């Protein structure tokens, strides 16, 4: 964060890229930490692998298939979103 301007025209500049990088780093750490992996695996009912795409989106793979998208929310909590099976019922 930096302060730009002089006098009554001061305003705060936030580095949004820094926030994104920190959130991605926290996500990587959470998904790969051994204790967290056990807790997450127990919650989803399976062991998983982690895959990141070129944009930094994280996916949990169960048996080699993307089953969940993972992200760190603004409240610093892990959120998993289930990915529907394209061959299954809607």
N, C-alpha and C. Protein backbone atom coordinates (compact mmCIF):
# COMPACT_ATOMS: atom_id res chain seq x y z
N UNK A 1 0.86 -1.16 0.00
CA UNK A 1 0.00 0.00 0.00
C UNK A 1 0.90 1.22 0.00
N UNK A 2 0.56 2.19 -0.79
CA UNK A 2 1.35 3.43 -0.83
C UNK A 2 0.40 4.62 -0.82
N UNK A 3 0.92 5.72 -0.34
CA UNK A 3 0.12 6.94 -0.28
C UNK A 3 0.61 7.87 -1.39
N UNK A 4 -0.30 8.34 -2.20
CA UNK A 4 0.04 9.19 -3.33
C UNK A 4 -0.73 10.49 -3.20
N UNK A 5 -0.11 11.57 -3.57
CA UNK A 5 -0.79 12.86 -3.53
C UNK A 5 -0.17 13.77 -2.48
N UNK A 6 -0.66 14.97 -2.46
CA UNK A 6 -0.16 15.96 -1.52
C UNK A 6 -1.35 16.66 -0.89
N UNK A 7 -1.28 16.85 0.42
CA UNK A 7 -2.31 17.61 1.11
C UNK A 7 -3.66 16.94 1.06
N UNK A 8 -4.71 17.70 0.75
CA UNK A 8 -6.07 17.20 0.75
C UNK A 8 -6.37 16.24 -0.38
N UNK A 9 -5.43 16.05 -1.29
CA UNK A 9 -5.64 15.15 -2.41
C UNK A 9 -5.01 13.78 -2.19
N UNK A 10 -4.59 13.48 -0.96
CA UNK A 10 -3.99 12.18 -0.66
C UNK A 10 -5.01 11.07 -0.88
N UNK A 11 -4.54 9.95 -1.42
CA UNK A 11 -5.38 8.77 -1.56
C UNK A 11 -4.50 7.54 -1.46
N UNK A 12 -5.10 6.45 -1.10
CA UNK A 12 -4.37 5.22 -0.88
C UNK A 12 -4.42 4.36 -2.14
N UNK A 13 -3.27 3.83 -2.56
CA UNK A 13 -3.20 2.93 -3.70
C UNK A 13 -2.99 1.52 -3.16
N UNK A 14 -3.88 0.61 -3.49
CA UNK A 14 -3.76 -0.78 -3.04
C UNK A 14 -3.20 -1.63 -4.17
N UNK A 15 -2.32 -2.52 -3.82
CA UNK A 15 -1.72 -3.43 -4.80
C UNK A 15 -2.59 -4.68 -4.86
N UNK A 16 -3.57 -4.71 -5.75
CA UNK A 16 -4.50 -5.84 -5.84
C UNK A 16 -3.79 -7.10 -6.31
N UNK A 17 -2.75 -6.95 -7.13
CA UNK A 17 -1.97 -8.13 -7.54
C UNK A 17 -1.32 -8.79 -6.35
N UNK A 18 -0.86 -8.00 -5.39
CA UNK A 18 -0.26 -8.55 -4.17
C UNK A 18 -1.29 -9.38 -3.42
N UNK A 19 -2.52 -8.88 -3.30
CA UNK A 19 -3.57 -9.64 -2.62
C UNK A 19 -3.84 -10.96 -3.34
N UNK A 20 -3.87 -10.92 -4.66
CA UNK A 20 -4.10 -12.14 -5.44
C UNK A 20 -2.95 -13.14 -5.24
N UNK A 21 -1.72 -12.64 -5.27
CA UNK A 21 -0.57 -13.53 -5.06
C UNK A 21 -0.58 -14.14 -3.67
N UNK A 22 -0.95 -13.35 -2.66
CA UNK A 22 -1.01 -13.87 -1.29
C UNK A 22 -2.10 -14.92 -1.16
N UNK A 23 -3.26 -14.68 -1.78
CA UNK A 23 -4.36 -15.64 -1.72
C UNK A 23 -3.96 -16.95 -2.41
N UNK A 24 -3.28 -16.86 -3.56
CA UNK A 24 -2.83 -18.05 -4.27
C UNK A 24 -1.78 -18.81 -3.46
N UNK A 25 -0.88 -18.08 -2.83
CA UNK A 25 0.13 -18.72 -1.99
C UNK A 25 -0.52 -19.43 -0.81
N UNK A 26 -1.50 -18.79 -0.20
CA UNK A 26 -2.22 -19.41 0.92
C UNK A 26 -2.96 -20.66 0.45
N UNK A 27 -3.54 -20.60 -0.73
CA UNK A 27 -4.26 -21.75 -1.28
C UNK A 27 -3.31 -22.91 -1.53
N UNK A 28 -2.17 -22.64 -2.14
CA UNK A 28 -1.17 -23.70 -2.39
C UNK A 28 -0.71 -24.33 -1.08
N UNK A 29 -0.44 -23.50 -0.09
CA UNK A 29 0.02 -23.99 1.20
C UNK A 29 -1.05 -24.85 1.86
N UNK A 30 -2.29 -24.39 1.84
CA UNK A 30 -3.39 -25.13 2.46
C UNK A 30 -3.59 -26.48 1.82
N UNK A 31 -3.58 -26.51 0.49
CA UNK A 31 -3.87 -27.76 -0.22
C UNK A 31 -2.74 -28.78 -0.15
N UNK A 32 -1.52 -28.33 0.15
CA UNK A 32 -0.40 -29.26 0.17
C UNK A 32 0.12 -29.58 1.56
N UNK A 33 -0.30 -28.86 2.58
CA UNK A 33 0.12 -29.14 3.95
C UNK A 33 -0.42 -30.51 4.37
N UNK A 34 0.43 -31.40 4.92
CA UNK A 34 -0.01 -32.76 5.26
C UNK A 34 -1.22 -32.81 6.21
N UNK A 35 -1.24 -31.96 7.23
CA UNK A 35 -2.38 -31.96 8.16
C UNK A 35 -3.66 -31.48 7.47
N UNK A 36 -3.52 -30.45 6.67
CA UNK A 36 -4.68 -29.92 5.94
C UNK A 36 -5.18 -30.95 4.92
N UNK A 37 -4.25 -31.64 4.25
CA UNK A 37 -4.63 -32.66 3.26
C UNK A 37 -5.49 -33.75 3.91
N UNK A 38 -5.10 -34.17 5.11
CA UNK A 38 -5.89 -35.21 5.80
C UNK A 38 -7.30 -34.70 6.11
N UNK A 39 -7.38 -33.46 6.58
CA UNK A 39 -8.70 -32.89 6.92
C UNK A 39 -9.56 -32.71 5.66
N UNK A 40 -8.97 -32.22 4.60
CA UNK A 40 -9.71 -32.01 3.35
C UNK A 40 -10.12 -33.36 2.77
N UNK A 41 -9.20 -34.31 2.76
CA UNK A 41 -9.51 -35.65 2.26
C UNK A 41 -10.65 -36.28 3.02
N UNK A 42 -10.66 -36.11 4.35
CA UNK A 42 -11.76 -36.64 5.16
C UNK A 42 -13.07 -35.94 4.83
N UNK A 43 -13.01 -34.64 4.57
CA UNK A 43 -14.23 -33.89 4.26
C UNK A 43 -14.82 -34.29 2.91
N UNK A 44 -13.99 -34.58 1.92
CA UNK A 44 -14.51 -34.94 0.60
C UNK A 44 -14.64 -36.45 0.43
N UNK A 45 -14.10 -37.20 1.39
CA UNK A 45 -14.25 -38.65 1.37
C UNK A 45 -13.30 -39.38 0.44
N UNK A 46 -12.19 -38.74 0.08
CA UNK A 46 -11.23 -39.38 -0.83
C UNK A 46 -9.90 -38.66 -0.75
N UNK A 47 -8.84 -39.38 -1.12
CA UNK A 47 -7.55 -38.75 -1.28
C UNK A 47 -7.58 -37.98 -2.61
N UNK A 48 -6.77 -36.96 -2.72
CA UNK A 48 -6.84 -36.12 -3.92
C UNK A 48 -5.45 -35.66 -4.34
N UNK A 49 -5.36 -35.26 -5.59
CA UNK A 49 -4.19 -34.58 -6.13
C UNK A 49 -4.62 -33.15 -6.43
N UNK A 50 -3.64 -32.25 -6.51
CA UNK A 50 -3.93 -30.84 -6.79
C UNK A 50 -3.37 -30.48 -8.15
N UNK A 51 -4.17 -29.73 -8.90
CA UNK A 51 -3.76 -29.26 -10.23
C UNK A 51 -4.11 -27.78 -10.32
N UNK A 52 -3.17 -26.98 -10.82
CA UNK A 52 -3.41 -25.56 -11.03
C UNK A 52 -3.38 -25.28 -12.53
N UNK A 53 -4.33 -24.47 -13.01
CA UNK A 53 -4.28 -24.09 -14.41
C UNK A 53 -3.41 -22.84 -14.57
N UNK A 54 -3.28 -22.35 -15.79
CA UNK A 54 -2.40 -21.21 -16.05
C UNK A 54 -2.86 -19.92 -15.39
N UNK A 55 -4.12 -19.84 -14.99
CA UNK A 55 -4.63 -18.65 -14.31
C UNK A 55 -4.54 -18.74 -12.80
N UNK A 56 -4.06 -19.89 -12.30
CA UNK A 56 -3.93 -20.07 -10.86
C UNK A 56 -5.15 -20.69 -10.22
N UNK A 57 -6.11 -21.13 -11.01
CA UNK A 57 -7.28 -21.81 -10.46
C UNK A 57 -6.86 -23.20 -10.01
N UNK A 58 -7.27 -23.58 -8.81
CA UNK A 58 -6.89 -24.87 -8.25
C UNK A 58 -8.03 -25.86 -8.39
N UNK A 59 -7.68 -27.08 -8.76
CA UNK A 59 -8.65 -28.17 -8.87
C UNK A 59 -8.17 -29.35 -8.04
N UNK A 60 -9.10 -30.01 -7.39
CA UNK A 60 -8.80 -31.24 -6.69
C UNK A 60 -9.21 -32.39 -7.59
N UNK A 61 -8.28 -33.29 -7.85
CA UNK A 61 -8.53 -34.44 -8.70
C UNK A 61 -8.69 -35.68 -7.83
N UNK A 62 -9.78 -36.37 -8.01
CA UNK A 62 -10.03 -37.64 -7.34
C UNK A 62 -10.02 -38.71 -8.42
N UNK A 63 -9.12 -39.66 -8.28
CA UNK A 63 -8.94 -40.71 -9.30
C UNK A 63 -8.67 -40.12 -10.68
N UNK A 64 -7.92 -39.02 -10.72
CA UNK A 64 -7.52 -38.41 -11.98
C UNK A 64 -8.56 -37.53 -12.64
N UNK A 65 -9.71 -37.33 -11.99
CA UNK A 65 -10.80 -36.53 -12.56
C UNK A 65 -11.01 -35.29 -11.70
N UNK A 66 -11.15 -34.12 -12.34
CA UNK A 66 -11.40 -32.89 -11.59
C UNK A 66 -12.77 -32.99 -10.92
N UNK A 67 -12.77 -32.99 -9.60
CA UNK A 67 -14.03 -33.10 -8.85
C UNK A 67 -14.39 -31.83 -8.10
N UNK A 68 -13.38 -31.03 -7.74
CA UNK A 68 -13.63 -29.81 -6.98
C UNK A 68 -12.74 -28.69 -7.47
N UNK A 69 -13.28 -27.47 -7.43
CA UNK A 69 -12.47 -26.27 -7.63
C UNK A 69 -12.26 -25.69 -6.24
N UNK A 70 -11.05 -25.27 -5.94
CA UNK A 70 -10.73 -24.75 -4.61
C UNK A 70 -10.31 -23.30 -4.69
N UNK A 71 -10.70 -22.53 -3.69
CA UNK A 71 -10.27 -21.14 -3.62
C UNK A 71 -10.29 -20.68 -2.17
N UNK A 72 -9.54 -19.64 -1.89
CA UNK A 72 -9.56 -19.00 -0.58
C UNK A 72 -10.50 -17.81 -0.70
N UNK A 73 -11.48 -17.75 0.18
CA UNK A 73 -12.48 -16.67 0.12
C UNK A 73 -11.91 -15.40 0.74
N UNK A 74 -12.68 -14.32 0.63
CA UNK A 74 -12.27 -13.04 1.22
C UNK A 74 -12.17 -13.13 2.73
N UNK A 75 -12.88 -14.08 3.33
CA UNK A 75 -12.81 -14.26 4.79
C UNK A 75 -11.71 -15.26 5.16
N UNK A 76 -10.81 -15.56 4.21
CA UNK A 76 -9.65 -16.42 4.43
C UNK A 76 -10.03 -17.85 4.78
N UNK A 77 -11.09 -18.34 4.17
CA UNK A 77 -11.52 -19.72 4.38
C UNK A 77 -11.41 -20.47 3.06
N UNK A 78 -11.14 -21.77 3.17
CA UNK A 78 -11.08 -22.62 1.98
C UNK A 78 -12.50 -22.95 1.53
N UNK A 79 -12.78 -22.72 0.26
CA UNK A 79 -14.08 -23.05 -0.30
C UNK A 79 -13.87 -24.04 -1.44
N UNK A 80 -14.57 -25.17 -1.38
CA UNK A 80 -14.53 -26.17 -2.44
C UNK A 80 -15.86 -26.16 -3.16
N UNK A 81 -15.81 -26.09 -4.47
CA UNK A 81 -17.01 -26.12 -5.29
C UNK A 81 -16.97 -27.41 -6.11
N UNK A 82 -18.01 -28.21 -5.97
CA UNK A 82 -18.08 -29.47 -6.70
C UNK A 82 -18.25 -29.24 -8.19
N UNK A 83 -17.59 -30.06 -8.98
CA UNK A 83 -17.70 -29.98 -10.44
C UNK A 83 -18.56 -31.16 -10.88
N UNK A 84 -19.65 -30.88 -11.58
CA UNK A 84 -20.55 -31.92 -12.02
C UNK A 84 -19.89 -32.84 -13.03
N UNK A 85 -20.22 -34.09 -12.96
CA UNK A 85 -19.74 -35.07 -13.91
C UNK A 85 -20.50 -34.86 -15.23
N UNK A 86 -19.81 -34.58 -16.33
CA UNK A 86 -20.51 -34.31 -17.60
C UNK A 86 -21.29 -35.53 -18.10
N UNK A 87 -20.93 -36.73 -17.64
CA UNK A 87 -21.62 -37.93 -18.06
C UNK A 87 -22.72 -38.34 -17.08
N UNK A 88 -22.83 -37.61 -15.99
CA UNK A 88 -23.80 -37.98 -14.95
C UNK A 88 -25.08 -37.17 -15.05
N UNK A 89 -26.00 -37.41 -14.13
CA UNK A 89 -27.25 -36.64 -14.12
C UNK A 89 -27.01 -35.20 -13.70
N UNK A 90 -27.86 -34.31 -14.14
CA UNK A 90 -27.72 -32.89 -13.76
C UNK A 90 -28.31 -32.62 -12.43
